[in-house]
Amino acid sequence: MKRVCLILAGLLLVSMVGLGCEQTSHGRYRQMTHRRVVDADILGFNDDVDAAILLSERPSHLSQWYHQ
């Protein structure tokens, strides 16, 4: 009886490991969505940095180029 229980426990463990490592279509979809979000965040960060640089180069009333 102990052997049967050990064999069944071993089969259960092997099947759990085998099923856990399988890539599902939902997992691929989540991975694709995550990549898309990260790419959009990187582009948004670059745009924010570019906007900050352009704002710092813009002449203001404190700059020597301000025409009164």
N, C-alpha and C. Protein backbone atom coordinates (compact mmCIF):
# COMPACT_ATOMS: atom_id res chain seq x y z
N MET A 1 0.82 -1.20 0.00
CA MET A 1 0.00 0.00 0.00
C MET A 1 0.86 1.26 0.00
N LYS A 2 1.98 1.19 0.76
CA LYS A 2 2.87 2.34 0.80
C LYS A 2 3.48 2.59 -0.57
N ARG A 3 3.82 1.53 -1.27
CA ARG A 3 4.40 1.67 -2.61
C ARG A 3 3.42 2.35 -3.55
N VAL A 4 2.17 1.93 -3.49
CA VAL A 4 1.15 2.51 -4.37
C VAL A 4 0.99 4.00 -4.07
N CYS A 5 0.97 4.36 -2.79
CA CYS A 5 0.85 5.76 -2.40
C CYS A 5 2.07 6.56 -2.86
N LEU A 6 3.25 5.99 -2.72
CA LEU A 6 4.46 6.68 -3.17
C LEU A 6 4.48 6.84 -4.69
N ILE A 7 4.05 5.81 -5.41
CA ILE A 7 4.00 5.89 -6.87
C ILE A 7 2.99 6.94 -7.30
N LEU A 8 1.82 6.95 -6.68
CA LEU A 8 0.81 7.96 -7.01
C LEU A 8 1.29 9.37 -6.66
N ALA A 9 1.97 9.52 -5.52
CA ALA A 9 2.49 10.83 -5.14
C ALA A 9 3.57 11.27 -6.14
N GLY A 10 4.40 10.35 -6.59
CA GLY A 10 5.42 10.67 -7.59
C GLY A 10 4.80 11.08 -8.91
N LEU A 11 3.78 10.33 -9.34
CA LEU A 11 3.09 10.69 -10.58
C LEU A 11 2.41 12.05 -10.47
N LEU A 12 1.83 12.32 -9.32
CA LEU A 12 1.19 13.61 -9.10
C LEU A 12 2.22 14.74 -9.14
N LEU A 13 3.35 14.53 -8.52
CA LEU A 13 4.41 15.54 -8.52
C LEU A 13 4.95 15.78 -9.93
N VAL A 14 5.17 14.70 -10.67
CA VAL A 14 5.68 14.84 -12.04
C VAL A 14 4.65 15.55 -12.92
N SER A 15 3.39 15.22 -12.77
CA SER A 15 2.36 15.86 -13.59
C SER A 15 2.20 17.34 -13.23
N MET A 16 2.34 17.68 -11.94
CA MET A 16 2.25 19.09 -11.53
C MET A 16 3.41 19.89 -12.10
N VAL A 17 4.60 19.32 -12.07
CA VAL A 17 5.76 20.02 -12.62
C VAL A 17 5.62 20.16 -14.13
N GLY A 18 5.16 19.10 -14.78
CA GLY A 18 5.00 19.14 -16.24
C GLY A 18 3.96 20.14 -16.68
N LEU A 19 2.86 20.23 -15.98
CA LEU A 19 1.80 21.18 -16.34
C LEU A 19 2.18 22.61 -15.97
N GLY A 20 2.96 22.78 -14.93
CA GLY A 20 3.35 24.12 -14.50
C GLY A 20 4.33 24.78 -15.44
N CYS A 21 5.10 24.02 -16.17
CA CYS A 21 6.11 24.58 -17.05
C CYS A 21 5.56 24.86 -18.45
N GLU A 22 4.33 24.50 -18.70
CA GLU A 22 3.75 24.68 -20.02
C GLU A 22 3.35 26.14 -20.24
N GLN A 23 3.71 26.68 -21.39
CA GLN A 23 3.34 28.06 -21.74
C GLN A 23 1.94 28.05 -22.34
N THR A 24 1.02 28.77 -21.74
CA THR A 24 -0.35 28.82 -22.24
C THR A 24 -0.52 30.04 -23.13
N SER A 25 -1.60 30.06 -23.88
CA SER A 25 -1.86 31.22 -24.74
C SER A 25 -2.13 32.46 -23.89
N HIS A 26 -2.76 32.28 -22.73
CA HIS A 26 -3.01 33.43 -21.85
C HIS A 26 -1.69 33.97 -21.30
N GLY A 27 -0.76 33.09 -20.98
CA GLY A 27 0.55 33.52 -20.51
C GLY A 27 1.30 34.30 -21.58
N ARG A 28 1.22 33.84 -22.82
CA ARG A 28 1.85 34.57 -23.92
C ARG A 28 1.19 35.93 -24.12
N TYR A 29 -0.13 35.99 -23.98
CA TYR A 29 -0.85 37.26 -24.11
C TYR A 29 -0.43 38.24 -23.02
N ARG A 30 -0.32 37.75 -21.79
CA ARG A 30 0.11 38.60 -20.68
C ARG A 30 1.54 39.09 -20.89
N GLN A 31 2.40 38.23 -21.39
CA GLN A 31 3.78 38.60 -21.65
C GLN A 31 3.84 39.67 -22.74
N MET A 32 3.06 39.50 -23.80
CA MET A 32 3.03 40.48 -24.88
C MET A 32 2.50 41.82 -24.37
N THR A 33 1.44 41.79 -23.56
CA THR A 33 0.87 43.01 -23.00
C THR A 33 1.88 43.72 -22.10
N HIS A 34 2.60 42.95 -21.29
CA HIS A 34 3.61 43.53 -20.41
C HIS A 34 4.71 44.20 -21.22
N ARG A 35 5.16 43.55 -22.29
CA ARG A 35 6.19 44.15 -23.13
C ARG A 35 5.70 45.45 -23.77
N ARG A 36 4.45 45.45 -24.21
CA ARG A 36 3.87 46.64 -24.84
C ARG A 36 3.78 47.80 -23.83
N VAL A 37 3.40 47.50 -22.60
CA VAL A 37 3.30 48.53 -21.57
C VAL A 37 4.68 49.08 -21.23
N VAL A 38 5.67 48.21 -21.10
CA VAL A 38 7.03 48.66 -20.80
C VAL A 38 7.56 49.53 -21.93
N ASP A 39 7.34 49.12 -23.18
CA ASP A 39 7.79 49.93 -24.31
C ASP A 39 7.11 51.31 -24.32
N ALA A 40 5.82 51.35 -24.03
CA ALA A 40 5.11 52.63 -23.99
C ALA A 40 5.63 53.50 -22.85
N ASP A 41 5.95 52.91 -21.71
CA ASP A 41 6.50 53.68 -20.60
C ASP A 41 7.85 54.27 -20.95
N ILE A 42 8.69 53.49 -21.65
CA ILE A 42 10.01 53.99 -22.05
C ILE A 42 9.86 55.15 -23.02
N LEU A 43 8.95 55.01 -23.99
CA LEU A 43 8.72 56.11 -24.94
C LEU A 43 8.17 57.35 -24.23
N GLY A 44 7.27 57.14 -23.29
CA GLY A 44 6.71 58.26 -22.54
C GLY A 44 7.77 58.96 -21.70
N PHE A 45 8.67 58.19 -21.09
CA PHE A 45 9.76 58.79 -20.31
C PHE A 45 10.67 59.61 -21.21
N ASN A 46 11.00 59.07 -22.38
CA ASN A 46 11.83 59.82 -23.32
C ASN A 46 11.15 61.12 -23.75
N ASP A 47 9.85 61.07 -24.00
CA ASP A 47 9.12 62.29 -24.36
C ASP A 47 9.14 63.31 -23.24
N ASP A 48 9.00 62.83 -21.99
CA ASP A 48 9.03 63.75 -20.85
C ASP A 48 10.40 64.42 -20.71
N VAL A 49 11.46 63.65 -20.92
CA VAL A 49 12.80 64.22 -20.84
C VAL A 49 13.00 65.24 -21.96
N ASP A 50 12.58 64.90 -23.17
CA ASP A 50 12.70 65.85 -24.28
C ASP A 50 11.92 67.13 -24.02
N ALA A 51 10.72 67.02 -23.47
CA ALA A 51 9.92 68.20 -23.16
C ALA A 51 10.59 69.06 -22.09
N ALA A 52 11.18 68.43 -21.08
CA ALA A 52 11.87 69.18 -20.03
C ALA A 52 13.08 69.91 -20.60
N ILE A 53 13.81 69.25 -21.49
CA ILE A 53 14.98 69.89 -22.10
C ILE A 53 14.54 71.07 -22.97
N LEU A 54 13.48 70.88 -23.74
CA LEU A 54 13.00 71.97 -24.59
C LEU A 54 12.47 73.14 -23.76
N LEU A 55 11.83 72.84 -22.63
CA LEU A 55 11.34 73.93 -21.78
C LEU A 55 12.49 74.69 -21.13
N SER A 56 13.57 73.98 -20.82
CA SER A 56 14.70 74.66 -20.19
C SER A 56 15.44 75.54 -21.20
N GLU A 57 15.34 75.23 -22.49
CA GLU A 57 16.02 76.03 -23.51
C GLU A 57 15.15 77.20 -23.99
N ARG A 58 13.92 77.21 -23.56
CA ARG A 58 13.00 78.26 -24.01
C ARG A 58 13.33 79.58 -23.33
N PRO A 59 13.44 80.67 -24.09
CA PRO A 59 13.74 81.96 -23.45
C PRO A 59 12.59 82.42 -22.56
N SER A 60 12.92 82.99 -21.45
CA SER A 60 11.91 83.49 -20.53
C SER A 60 12.20 84.96 -20.23
N HIS A 61 11.40 85.55 -19.34
CA HIS A 61 11.61 86.96 -19.02
C HIS A 61 12.91 87.17 -18.24
N LEU A 62 13.50 86.12 -17.75
CA LEU A 62 14.77 86.24 -17.03
C LEU A 62 15.96 86.07 -17.96
N SER A 63 15.73 85.68 -19.19
CA SER A 63 16.84 85.43 -20.09
C SER A 63 17.27 86.70 -20.81
N GLN A 64 18.47 86.69 -21.34
CA GLN A 64 19.00 87.86 -22.03
C GLN A 64 18.36 88.06 -23.39
N TRP A 65 17.62 87.07 -23.89
CA TRP A 65 17.02 87.19 -25.21
C TRP A 65 15.59 87.73 -25.18
N TYR A 66 15.11 88.01 -23.99
CA TYR A 66 13.73 88.48 -23.86
C TYR A 66 13.62 89.90 -24.41
N HIS A 67 12.67 90.09 -25.33
CA HIS A 67 12.48 91.40 -25.94
C HIS A 67 11.35 92.14 -25.24
N GLN A 68 11.65 93.31 -24.77
CA GLN A 68 10.63 94.08 -24.06
C GLN A 68 9.88 95.01 -25.01
